[in-house]
PDB file of N, CA and C in Angstrom:
ATOM      1  N   MET A   1     -12.717 -18.059  26.242  1.00  0.00           N
ATOM      2  CA  MET A   1     -13.298 -16.892  25.614  1.00  0.00           C
ATOM      3  C   MET A   1     -12.585 -16.598  24.299  1.00  0.00           C
ATOM      4  N   ASP A   2     -13.302 -16.702  23.214  1.00  0.00           N
ATOM      5  CA  ASP A   2     -12.742 -16.378  21.917  1.00  0.00           C
ATOM      6  C   ASP A   2     -12.894 -14.886  21.660  1.00  0.00           C
ATOM      7  N   LYS A   3     -11.839 -14.301  21.138  1.00  0.00           N
ATOM      8  CA  LYS A   3     -11.928 -12.905  20.739  1.00  0.00           C
ATOM      9  C   LYS A   3     -12.739 -12.831  19.454  1.00  0.00           C
ATOM     10  N   ALA A   4     -13.598 -11.851  19.363  1.00  0.00           N
ATOM     11  CA  ALA A   4     -14.345 -11.638  18.123  1.00  0.00           C
ATOM     12  C   ALA A   4     -13.358 -11.183  17.051  1.00  0.00           C
ATOM     13  N   ARG A   5     -13.402 -11.849  15.934  1.00  0.00           N
ATOM     14  CA  ARG A   5     -12.479 -11.517  14.845  1.00  0.00           C
ATOM     15  C   ARG A   5     -12.953 -10.242  14.159  1.00  0.00           C
ATOM     16  N   ARG A   6     -12.042  -9.279  14.072  1.00  0.00           N
ATOM     17  CA  ARG A   6     -12.373  -8.016  13.408  1.00  0.00           C
ATOM     18  C   ARG A   6     -12.252  -8.205  11.900  1.00  0.00           C
ATOM     19  N   PRO A   7     -13.138  -7.591  11.149  1.00  0.00           N
ATOM     20  CA  PRO A   7     -13.095  -7.766   9.691  1.00  0.00           C
ATOM     21  C   PRO A   7     -11.895  -7.057   9.068  1.00  0.00           C
ATOM     22  N   GLN A   8     -11.407  -7.640   7.987  1.00  0.00           N
ATOM     23  CA  GLN A   8     -10.333  -7.027   7.205  1.00  0.00           C
ATOM     24  C   GLN A   8     -10.906  -5.829   6.454  1.00  0.00           C
ATOM     25  N   GLN A   9     -10.083  -4.814   6.299  1.00  0.00           N
ATOM     26  CA  GLN A   9     -10.421  -3.663   5.485  1.00  0.00           C
ATOM     27  C   GLN A   9      -9.216  -3.372   4.599  1.00  0.00           C
ATOM     28  N   VAL A  10      -9.410  -2.570   3.581  1.00  0.00           N
ATOM     29  CA  VAL A  10      -8.308  -2.203   2.695  1.00  0.00           C
ATOM     30  C   VAL A  10      -7.954  -0.742   2.946  1.00  0.00           C
ATOM     31  N   TYR A  11      -6.664  -0.498   3.100  1.00  0.00           N
ATOM     32  CA  TYR A  11      -6.151   0.837   3.371  1.00  0.00           C
ATOM     33  C   TYR A  11      -5.296   1.305   2.200  1.00  0.00           C
ATOM     34  N   THR A  12      -5.401   2.588   1.890  1.00  0.00           N
ATOM     35  CA  THR A  12      -4.569   3.193   0.852  1.00  0.00           C
ATOM     36  C   THR A  12      -3.339   3.766   1.533  1.00  0.00           C
ATOM     37  N   LEU A  13      -2.161   3.371   1.031  1.00  0.00           N
ATOM     38  CA  LEU A  13      -0.904   3.812   1.613  1.00  0.00           C
ATOM     39  C   LEU A  13      -0.023   4.430   0.537  1.00  0.00           C
ATOM     40  N   LEU A  14       0.714   5.452   0.914  1.00  0.00           N
ATOM     41  CA  LEU A  14       1.759   6.019   0.065  1.00  0.00           C
ATOM     42  C   LEU A  14       3.079   5.604   0.711  1.00  0.00           C
ATOM     43  N   VAL A  15       3.865   4.811   0.001  1.00  0.00           N
ATOM     44  CA  VAL A  15       5.130   4.308   0.535  1.00  0.00           C
ATOM     45  C   VAL A  15       6.271   4.906  -0.268  1.00  0.00           C
ATOM     46  N   GLU A  16       7.182   5.579   0.437  1.00  0.00           N
ATOM     47  CA  GLU A  16       8.389   6.081  -0.212  1.00  0.00           C
ATOM     48  C   GLU A  16       9.475   5.047  -0.013  1.00  0.00           C
ATOM     49  N   VAL A  17      10.173   4.718  -1.102  1.00  0.00           N
ATOM     50  CA  VAL A  17      11.247   3.727  -1.033  1.00  0.00           C
ATOM     51  C   VAL A  17      12.546   4.348  -1.531  1.00  0.00           C
ATOM     52  N   GLY A  18      13.640   3.869  -0.948  1.00  0.00           N
ATOM     53  CA  GLY A  18      14.965   4.250  -1.400  1.00  0.00           C
ATOM     54  C   GLY A  18      15.469   3.202  -2.376  1.00  0.00           C
ATOM     55  N   ARG A  19      16.759   3.255  -2.667  1.00  0.00           N
ATOM     56  CA  ARG A  19      17.344   2.298  -3.600  1.00  0.00           C
ATOM     57  C   ARG A  19      17.904   1.090  -2.865  1.00  0.00           C
ATOM     58  N   LYS A  20      17.829  -0.045  -3.529  1.00  0.00           N
ATOM     59  CA  LYS A  20      18.386  -1.294  -3.039  1.00  0.00           C
ATOM     60  C   LYS A  20      18.653  -2.164  -4.262  1.00  0.00           C
ATOM     61  N   ALA A  21      19.732  -2.900  -4.237  1.00  0.00           N
ATOM     62  CA  ALA A  21      20.057  -3.782  -5.364  1.00  0.00           C
ATOM     63  C   ALA A  21      18.881  -4.708  -5.654  1.00  0.00           C
ATOM     64  N   GLY A  22      18.514  -4.804  -6.918  1.00  0.00           N
ATOM     65  CA  GLY A  22      17.439  -5.706  -7.318  1.00  0.00           C
ATOM     66  C   GLY A  22      16.044  -5.158  -7.118  1.00  0.00           C
ATOM     67  N   ASP A  23      15.914  -3.839  -6.857  1.00  0.00           N
ATOM     68  CA  ASP A  23      14.591  -3.280  -6.567  1.00  0.00           C
ATOM     69  C   ASP A  23      13.715  -3.070  -7.798  1.00  0.00           C
ATOM     70  N   GLY A  24      14.288  -3.179  -9.001  1.00  0.00           N
ATOM     71  CA  GLY A  24      13.504  -3.053 -10.219  1.00  0.00           C
ATOM     72  C   GLY A  24      13.213  -1.634 -10.656  1.00  0.00           C
ATOM     73  N   LEU A  25      13.741  -0.646  -9.941  1.00  0.00           N
ATOM     74  CA  LEU A  25      13.527   0.748 -10.332  1.00  0.00           C
ATOM     75  C   LEU A  25      14.474   1.108 -11.479  1.00  0.00           C
ATOM     76  N   PRO A  26      14.147   2.154 -12.251  1.00  0.00           N
ATOM     77  CA  PRO A  26      15.040   2.572 -13.335  1.00  0.00           C
ATOM     78  C   PRO A  26      16.448   2.878 -12.799  1.00  0.00           C
ATOM     79  N   ALA A  27      17.450   2.642 -13.639  1.00  0.00           N
ATOM     80  CA  ALA A  27      18.852   2.754 -13.224  1.00  0.00           C
ATOM     81  C   ALA A  27      19.203   4.092 -12.576  1.00  0.00           C
ATOM     82  N   LYS A  28      18.698   5.201 -13.095  1.00  0.00           N
ATOM     83  CA  LYS A  28      19.082   6.514 -12.569  1.00  0.00           C
ATOM     84  C   LYS A  28      18.119   7.049 -11.509  1.00  0.00           C
ATOM     85  N   ALA A  29      17.135   6.263 -11.128  1.00  0.00           N
ATOM     86  CA  ALA A  29      16.187   6.692 -10.098  1.00  0.00           C
ATOM     87  C   ALA A  29      16.876   6.717  -8.740  1.00  0.00           C
ATOM     88  N   THR A  30      16.468   7.676  -7.913  1.00  0.00           N
ATOM     89  CA  THR A  30      17.015   7.774  -6.555  1.00  0.00           C
ATOM     90  C   THR A  30      16.078   7.137  -5.535  1.00  0.00           C
ATOM     91  N   GLY A  31      14.927   6.733  -5.963  1.00  0.00           N
ATOM     92  CA  GLY A  31      13.911   6.129  -5.112  1.00  0.00           C
ATOM     93  C   GLY A  31      12.585   6.194  -5.839  1.00  0.00           C
ATOM     94  N   ALA A  32      11.495   5.988  -5.099  1.00  0.00           N
ATOM     95  CA  ALA A  32      10.174   6.029  -5.739  1.00  0.00           C
ATOM     96  C   ALA A  32       9.085   6.217  -4.698  1.00  0.00           C
ATOM     97  N   ALA A  33       7.924   6.616  -5.192  1.00  0.00           N
ATOM     98  CA  ALA A  33       6.710   6.667  -4.386  1.00  0.00           C
ATOM     99  C   ALA A  33       5.781   5.586  -4.927  1.00  0.00           C
ATOM    100  N   LEU A  34       5.226   4.789  -4.037  1.00  0.00           N
ATOM    101  CA  LEU A  34       4.322   3.713  -4.426  1.00  0.00           C
ATOM    102  C   LEU A  34       2.948   3.957  -3.813  1.00  0.00           C
ATOM    103  N   ILE A  35       1.907   3.823  -4.613  1.00  0.00           N
ATOM    104  CA  ILE A  35       0.547   3.793  -4.085  1.00  0.00           C
ATOM    105  C   ILE A  35       0.227   2.317  -3.880  1.00  0.00           C
ATOM    106  N   VAL A  36      -0.135   1.982  -2.661  1.00  0.00           N
ATOM    107  CA  VAL A  36      -0.340   0.585  -2.279  1.00  0.00           C
ATOM    108  C   VAL A  36      -1.714   0.432  -1.637  1.00  0.00           C
ATOM    109  N   TYR A  37      -2.391  -0.665  -1.963  1.00  0.00           N
ATOM    110  CA  TYR A  37      -3.627  -1.047  -1.276  1.00  0.00           C
ATOM    111  C   TYR A  37      -3.290  -2.287  -0.468  1.00  0.00           C
ATOM    112  N   ALA A  38      -3.477  -2.203   0.851  1.00  0.00           N
ATOM    113  CA  ALA A  38      -3.109  -3.310   1.727  1.00  0.00           C
ATOM    114  C   ALA A  38      -4.261  -3.619   2.666  1.00  0.00           C
ATOM    115  N   SER A  39      -4.513  -4.911   2.856  1.00  0.00           N
ATOM    116  CA  SER A  39      -5.596  -5.310   3.755  1.00  0.00           C
ATOM    117  C   SER A  39      -5.058  -5.491   5.167  1.00  0.00           C
ATOM    118  N   GLY A  40      -5.945  -5.292   6.126  1.00  0.00           N
ATOM    119  CA  GLY A  40      -5.600  -5.478   7.529  1.00  0.00           C
ATOM    120  C   GLY A  40      -6.809  -5.201   8.398  1.00  0.00           C
ATOM    121  N   VAL A  41      -6.740  -5.630   9.646  1.00  0.00           N
ATOM    122  CA  VAL A  41      -7.842  -5.350  10.564  1.00  0.00           C
ATOM    123  C   VAL A  41      -7.799  -3.900  11.032  1.00  0.00           C
ATOM    124  N   ASP A  42      -6.633  -3.270  10.899  1.00  0.00           N
ATOM    125  CA  ASP A  42      -6.491  -1.843  11.162  1.00  0.00           C
ATOM    126  C   ASP A  42      -5.343  -1.319  10.307  1.00  0.00           C
ATOM    127  N   GLU A  43      -5.173  -0.010  10.296  1.00  0.00           N
ATOM    128  CA  GLU A  43      -4.161   0.574   9.424  1.00  0.00           C
ATOM    129  C   GLU A  43      -2.744   0.152   9.831  1.00  0.00           C
ATOM    130  N   ASP A  44      -2.500   0.001  11.126  1.00  0.00           N
ATOM    131  CA  ASP A  44      -1.171  -0.432  11.577  1.00  0.00           C
ATOM    132  C   ASP A  44      -0.805  -1.796  11.001  1.00  0.00           C
ATOM    133  N   GLU A  45      -1.762  -2.720  11.008  1.00  0.00           N
ATOM    134  CA  GLU A  45      -1.490  -4.037  10.443  1.00  0.00           C
ATOM    135  C   GLU A  45      -1.255  -3.949   8.933  1.00  0.00           C
ATOM    136  N   ALA A  46      -2.035  -3.125   8.242  1.00  0.00           N
ATOM    137  CA  ALA A  46      -1.867  -2.958   6.798  1.00  0.00           C
ATOM    138  C   ALA A  46      -0.478  -2.404   6.483  1.00  0.00           C
ATOM    139  N   VAL A  47      -0.018  -1.449   7.288  1.00  0.00           N
ATOM    140  CA  VAL A  47       1.320  -0.880   7.093  1.00  0.00           C
ATOM    141  C   VAL A  47       2.382  -1.950   7.319  1.00  0.00           C
ATOM    142  N   ARG A  48       2.266  -2.716   8.390  1.00  0.00           N
ATOM    143  CA  ARG A  48       3.252  -3.774   8.672  1.00  0.00           C
ATOM    144  C   ARG A  48       3.309  -4.786   7.532  1.00  0.00           C
ATOM    145  N   GLU A  49       2.154  -5.198   7.037  1.00  0.00           N
ATOM    146  CA  GLU A  49       2.107  -6.162   5.940  1.00  0.00           C
ATOM    147  C   GLU A  49       2.728  -5.591   4.669  1.00  0.00           C
ATOM    148  N   ALA A  50       2.396  -4.337   4.347  1.00  0.00           N
ATOM    149  CA  ALA A  50       2.931  -3.712   3.137  1.00  0.00           C
ATOM    150  C   ALA A  50       4.454  -3.604   3.214  1.00  0.00           C
ATOM    151  N   VAL A  51       4.974  -3.159   4.349  1.00  0.00           N
ATOM    152  CA  VAL A  51       6.427  -3.022   4.508  1.00  0.00           C
ATOM    153  C   VAL A  51       7.107  -4.386   4.392  1.00  0.00           C
ATOM    154  N   ALA A  52       6.535  -5.406   5.011  1.00  0.00           N
ATOM    155  CA  ALA A  52       7.121  -6.748   4.946  1.00  0.00           C
ATOM    156  C   ALA A  52       7.164  -7.269   3.511  1.00  0.00           C
ATOM    157  N   ILE A  53       6.077  -7.083   2.764  1.00  0.00           N
ATOM    158  CA  ILE A  53       6.022  -7.553   1.376  1.00  0.00           C
ATOM    159  C   ILE A  53       7.011  -6.786   0.508  1.00  0.00           C
ATOM    160  N   LEU A  54       7.108  -5.480   0.692  1.00  0.00           N
ATOM    161  CA  LEU A  54       8.038  -4.689  -0.108  1.00  0.00           C
ATOM    162  C   LEU A  54       9.489  -5.084   0.189  1.00  0.00           C
ATOM    163  N   LYS A  55       9.792  -5.368   1.442  1.00  0.00           N
ATOM    164  CA  LYS A  55      11.146  -5.824   1.781  1.00  0.00           C
ATOM    165  C   LYS A  55      11.440  -7.165   1.120  1.00  0.00           C
ATOM    166  N   GLN A  56      10.449  -8.066   1.075  1.00  0.00           N
ATOM    167  CA  GLN A  56      10.627  -9.355   0.397  1.00  0.00           C
ATOM    168  C   GLN A  56      10.877  -9.161  -1.101  1.00  0.00           C
ATOM    169  N   ALA A  57      10.364  -8.061  -1.661  1.00  0.00           N
ATOM    170  CA  ALA A  57      10.530  -7.760  -3.084  1.00  0.00           C
ATOM    171  C   ALA A  57      11.803  -6.942  -3.335  1.00  0.00           C
ATOM    172  N   ASP A  58      12.718  -6.956  -2.375  1.00  0.00           N
ATOM    173  CA  ASP A  58      13.996  -6.240  -2.479  1.00  0.00           C
ATOM    174  C   ASP A  58      13.836  -4.738  -2.617  1.00  0.00           C
ATOM    175  N   MET A  59      12.793  -4.179  -2.010  1.00  0.00           N
ATOM    176  CA  MET A  59      12.626  -2.732  -1.988  1.00  0.00           C
ATOM    177  C   MET A  59      13.029  -2.240  -0.596  1.00  0.00           C
ATOM    178  N   ALA A  60      13.296  -0.942  -0.488  1.00  0.00           N
ATOM    179  CA  ALA A  60      13.757  -0.353   0.771  1.00  0.00           C
ATOM    180  C   ALA A  60      12.767   0.713   1.250  1.00  0.00           C
ATOM    181  N   PRO A  61      11.676   0.302   1.937  1.00  0.00           N
ATOM    182  CA  PRO A  61      10.700   1.276   2.428  1.00  0.00           C
ATOM    183  C   PRO A  61      11.328   2.248   3.424  1.00  0.00           C
ATOM    184  N   LEU A  62      11.078   3.544   3.221  1.00  0.00           N
ATOM    185  CA  LEU A  62      11.611   4.579   4.093  1.00  0.00           C
ATOM    186  C   LEU A  62      10.528   5.245   4.925  1.00  0.00           C
ATOM    187  N   ASP A  63       9.360   5.462   4.309  1.00  0.00           N
ATOM    188  CA  ASP A  63       8.292   6.194   4.987  1.00  0.00           C
ATOM    189  C   ASP A  63       6.946   5.727   4.438  1.00  0.00           C
ATOM    190  N   VAL A  64       5.955   5.658   5.315  1.00  0.00           N
ATOM    191  CA  VAL A  64       4.605   5.257   4.903  1.00  0.00           C
ATOM    192  C   VAL A  64       3.612   6.293   5.425  1.00  0.00           C
ATOM    193  N   THR A  65       2.754   6.762   4.526  1.00  0.00           N
ATOM    194  CA  THR A  65       1.665   7.662   4.900  1.00  0.00           C
ATOM    195  C   THR A  65       0.362   6.941   4.620  1.00  0.00           C
ATOM    196  N   GLY A  66      -0.505   6.861   5.621  1.00  0.00           N
ATOM    197  CA  GLY A  66      -1.794   6.202   5.460  1.00  0.00           C
ATOM    198  C   GLY A  66      -2.885   7.190   5.103  1.00  0.00           C
ATOM    199  N   TYR A  67      -3.739   6.797   4.160  1.00  0.00           N
ATOM    200  CA  TYR A  67      -4.859   7.636   3.748  1.00  0.00           C
ATOM    201  C   TYR A  67      -6.208   7.038   4.140  1.00  0.00           C
ATOM    202  N   GLY A  68      -6.189   5.903   4.851  1.00  0.00           N
ATOM    203  CA  GLY A  68      -7.417   5.321   5.358  1.00  0.00           C
ATOM    204  C   GLY A  68      -8.096   4.368   4.387  1.00  0.00           C
ATOM    205  N   THR A  69      -9.294   3.968   4.784  1.00  0.00           N
ATOM    206  CA  THR A  69     -10.107   3.062   3.979  1.00  0.00           C
ATOM    207  C   THR A  69     -10.821   3.857   2.884  1.00  0.00           C
ATOM    208  N   ALA A  70     -11.465   3.152   1.975  1.00  0.00           N
ATOM    209  CA  ALA A  70     -12.225   3.826   0.919  1.00  0.00           C
ATOM    210  C   ALA A  70     -13.287   4.735   1.532  1.00  0.00           C
ATOM    211  N   GLY A  71     -13.980   4.248   2.545  1.00  0.00           N
ATOM    212  CA  GLY A  71     -15.019   5.055   3.204  1.00  0.00           C
ATOM    213  C   GLY A  71     -14.455   6.312   3.841  1.00  0.00           C
ATOM    214  N   GLU A  72     -13.303   6.180   4.491  1.00  0.00           N
ATOM    215  CA  GLU A  72     -12.665   7.345   5.111  1.00  0.00           C
ATOM    216  C   GLU A  72     -12.207   8.343   4.057  1.00  0.00           C
ATOM    217  N   ARG A  73     -11.672   7.819   2.957  1.00  0.00           N
ATOM    218  CA  ARG A  73     -11.214   8.706   1.884  1.00  0.00           C
ATOM    219  C   ARG A  73     -12.388   9.435   1.237  1.00  0.00           C
ATOM    220  N   GLU A  74     -13.488   8.725   1.006  1.00  0.00           N
ATOM    221  CA  GLU A  74     -14.664   9.362   0.409  1.00  0.00           C
ATOM    222  C   GLU A  74     -15.219  10.443   1.326  1.00  0.00           C
ATOM    223  N   ALA A  75     -15.186  10.193   2.642  1.00  0.00           N
ATOM    224  CA  ALA A  75     -15.653  11.192   3.607  1.00  0.00           C
ATOM    225  C   ALA A  75     -14.792  12.446   3.567  1.00  0.00           C
ATOM    226  N   GLN A  76     -13.533  12.306   3.138  1.00  0.00           N
ATOM    227  CA  GLN A  76     -12.619  13.450   3.010  1.00  0.00           C
ATOM    228  C   GLN A  76     -12.747  14.118   1.640  1.00  0.00           C
ATOM    229  N   GLY A  77     -13.607  13.580   0.781  1.00  0.00           N
ATOM    230  CA  GLY A  77     -13.834  14.177  -0.520  1.00  0.00           C
ATOM    231  C   GLY A  77     -13.023  13.571  -1.653  1.00  0.00           C
ATOM    232  N   HIS A  78     -12.286  12.490  -1.387  1.00  0.00           N
ATOM    233  CA  HIS A  78     -11.526  11.830  -2.455  1.00  0.00           C
ATOM    234  C   HIS A  78     -12.487  11.107  -3.397  1.00  0.00           C
ATOM    235  N   GLU A  79     -12.205  11.174  -4.676  1.00  0.00           N
ATOM    236  CA  GLU A  79     -12.969  10.410  -5.654  1.00  0.00           C
ATOM    237  C   GLU A  79     -12.225   9.104  -5.905  1.00  0.00           C
ATOM    238  N   ILE A  80     -12.951   8.002  -5.860  1.00  0.00           N
ATOM    239  CA  ILE A  80     -12.350   6.690  -6.076  1.00  0.00           C
ATOM    240  C   ILE A  80     -12.979   6.091  -7.322  1.00  0.00           C
ATOM    241  N   GLY A  81     -12.172   5.992  -8.367  1.00  0.00           N
ATOM    242  CA  GLY A  81     -12.654   5.507  -9.655  1.00  0.00           C
ATOM    243  C   GLY A  81     -12.824   4.000  -9.679  1.00  0.00           C
ATOM    244  N   PRO A  82     -13.432   3.483 -10.752  1.00  0.00           N
ATOM    245  CA  PRO A  82     -13.705   2.057 -10.855  1.00  0.00           C
ATOM    246  C   PRO A  82     -12.441   1.184 -10.841  1.00  0.00           C
ATOM    247  N   ASP A  83     -11.355   1.654 -11.470  1.00  0.00           N
ATOM    248  CA  ASP A  83     -10.117   0.865 -11.468  1.00  0.00           C
ATOM    249  C   ASP A  83      -9.571   0.726 -10.054  1.00  0.00           C
ATOM    250  N   GLU A  84      -9.609   1.833  -9.324  1.00  0.00           N
ATOM    251  CA  GLU A  84      -9.123   1.830  -7.943  1.00  0.00           C
ATOM    252  C   GLU A  84     -10.014   0.941  -7.067  1.00  0.00           C
ATOM    253  N   GLN A  85     -11.326   1.026  -7.258  1.00  0.00           N
ATOM    254  CA  GLN A  85     -12.257   0.185  -6.504  1.00  0.00           C
ATOM    255  C   GLN A  85     -11.992  -1.292  -6.775  1.00  0.00           C
ATOM    256  N   GLU A  86     -11.696  -1.615  -8.031  1.00  0.00           N
ATOM    257  CA  GLU A  86     -11.421  -3.009  -8.410  1.00  0.00           C
ATOM    258  C   GLU A  86     -10.153  -3.526  -7.716  1.00  0.00           C
ATOM    259  N   LEU A  87      -9.105  -2.695  -7.691  1.00  0.00           N
ATOM    260  CA  LEU A  87      -7.867  -3.108  -7.014  1.00  0.00           C
ATOM    261  C   LEU A  87      -8.077  -3.269  -5.512  1.00  0.00           C
ATOM    262  N   MET A  88      -8.869  -2.384  -4.926  1.00  0.00           N
ATOM    263  CA  MET A  88      -9.163  -2.487  -3.488  1.00  0.00           C
ATOM    264  C   MET A  88      -9.951  -3.762  -3.197  1.00  0.00           C
ATOM    265  N   ALA A  89     -10.927  -4.066  -4.045  1.00  0.00           N
ATOM    266  CA  ALA A  89     -11.720  -5.287  -3.864  1.00  0.00           C
ATOM    267  C   ALA A  89     -10.824  -6.520  -3.978  1.00  0.00           C
ATOM    268  N   ARG A  90      -9.884  -6.489  -4.907  1.00  0.00           N
ATOM    269  CA  ARG A  90      -8.950  -7.612  -5.074  1.00  0.00           C
ATOM    270  C   ARG A  90      -8.058  -7.765  -3.842  1.00  0.00           C
ATOM    271  N   ALA A  91      -7.549  -6.650  -3.321  1.00  0.00           N
ATOM    272  CA  ALA A  91      -6.707  -6.702  -2.120  1.00  0.00           C
ATOM    273  C   ALA A  91      -7.485  -7.322  -0.954  1.00  0.00           C
ATOM    274  N   LEU A  92      -8.754  -6.975  -0.841  1.00  0.00           N
ATOM    275  CA  LEU A  92      -9.582  -7.527   0.236  1.00  0.00           C
ATOM    276  C   LEU A  92      -9.856  -9.006   0.018  1.00  0.00           C
ATOM    277  N   ALA A  93     -10.251  -9.372  -1.198  1.00  0.00           N
ATOM    278  CA  ALA A  93     -10.596 -10.768  -1.499  1.00  0.00           C
ATOM    279  C   ALA A  93      -9.397 -11.693  -1.328  1.00  0.00           C
ATOM    280  N   GLU A  94      -8.210 -11.201  -1.685  1.00  0.00           N
ATOM    281  CA  GLU A  94      -7.005 -12.027  -1.635  1.00  0.00           C
ATOM    282  C   GLU A  94      -6.181 -11.811  -0.370  1.00  0.00           C
ATOM    283  N   ASN A  95      -6.675 -10.929   0.545  1.00  0.00           N
ATOM    284  CA  ASN A  95      -5.919 -10.563   1.748  1.00  0.00           C
ATOM    285  C   ASN A  95      -4.487 -10.226   1.338  1.00  0.00           C
ATOM    286  N   ALA A  96      -4.369  -9.267   0.405  1.00  0.00           N
ATOM    287  CA  ALA A  96      -3.109  -9.011  -0.272  1.00  0.00           C
ATOM    288  C   ALA A  96      -2.649  -7.567  -0.141  1.00  0.00           C
ATOM    289  N   VAL A  97      -1.412  -7.373  -0.572  1.00  0.00           N
ATOM    290  CA  VAL A  97      -0.832  -6.045  -0.739  1.00  0.00           C
ATOM    291  C   VAL A  97      -0.662  -5.841  -2.240  1.00  0.00           C
ATOM    292  N   ILE A  98      -1.287  -4.809  -2.774  1.00  0.00           N
ATOM    293  CA  ILE A  98      -1.229  -4.552  -4.214  1.00  0.00           C
ATOM    294  C   ILE A  98      -0.581  -3.195  -4.450  1.00  0.00           C
ATOM    295  N   VAL A  99       0.476  -3.195  -5.239  1.00  0.00           N
ATOM    296  CA  VAL A  99       1.124  -1.945  -5.644  1.00  0.00           C
ATOM    297  C   VAL A  99       0.397  -1.464  -6.889  1.00  0.00           C
ATOM    298  N   ALA A 100      -0.297  -0.343  -6.760  1.00  0.00           N
ATOM    299  CA  ALA A 100      -1.121   0.157  -7.855  1.00  0.00           C
ATOM    300  C   ALA A 100      -0.376   1.121  -8.762  1.00  0.00           C
ATOM    301  N   GLU A 101       0.618   1.816  -8.210  1.00  0.00           N
ATOM    302  CA  GLU A 101       1.311   2.833  -8.996  1.00  0.00           C
ATOM    303  C   GLU A 101       2.721   3.006  -8.447  1.00  0.00           C
ATOM    304  N   VAL A 102       3.679   3.164  -9.349  1.00  0.00           N
ATOM    305  CA  VAL A 102       5.076   3.421  -8.984  1.00  0.00           C
ATOM    306  C   VAL A 102       5.525   4.682  -9.707  1.00  0.00           C
ATOM    307  N   THR A 103       5.978   5.666  -8.951  1.00  0.00           N
ATOM    308  CA  THR A 103       6.500   6.903  -9.529  1.00  0.00           C
ATOM    309  C   THR A 103       7.955   7.056  -9.104  1.00  0.00           C
ATOM    310  N   PRO A 104       8.895   6.765 -10.019  1.00  0.00           N
ATOM    311  CA  PRO A 104      10.311   6.891  -9.671  1.00  0.00           C
ATOM    312  C   PRO A 104      10.709   8.356  -9.441  1.00  0.00           C
ATOM    313  N   PHE A 105      11.693   8.560  -8.551  1.00  0.00           N
ATOM    314  CA  PHE A 105      12.263   9.882  -8.306  1.00  0.00           C
ATOM    315  C   PHE A 105      13.601   9.980  -9.023  1.00  0.00           C
ATOM    316  N   PHE A 106      13.869  11.125  -9.644  1.00  0.00           N
ATOM    317  CA  PHE A 106      15.143  11.386 -10.289  1.00  0.00           C
ATOM    318  C   PHE A 106      15.662  12.721  -9.778  1.00  0.00           C
ATOM    319  N   ASP A 107      16.971  12.832  -9.593  1.00  0.00           N
ATOM    320  CA  ASP A 107      17.556  14.117  -9.185  1.00  0.00           C
ATOM    321  C   ASP A 107      17.734  15.030 -10.355  1.00  0.00           C
TER     322      ASP A 107
END
């Protein structure tokens, strides 16, 4: 019996990261918030993939907040612009994790 393969979807995640040597953040930053688009069969898988990729990039993920798929976000009243739609489509096509925005934190 083969399990039916569930389709990949793209999830919007907000990932807070701390500091780690080689993380590429500005010298005086204390951490950052990243907007990430990650593909997965469910949000848990997308979170696991995003955290794994960020760790490989020498970042230190501390917390992840999921905002759901594009459809779920639109149902909540979020507006998704063409640039964001393009990045989400790319994440899906490439089965990838895409960091769309980095906002460093400073004390």
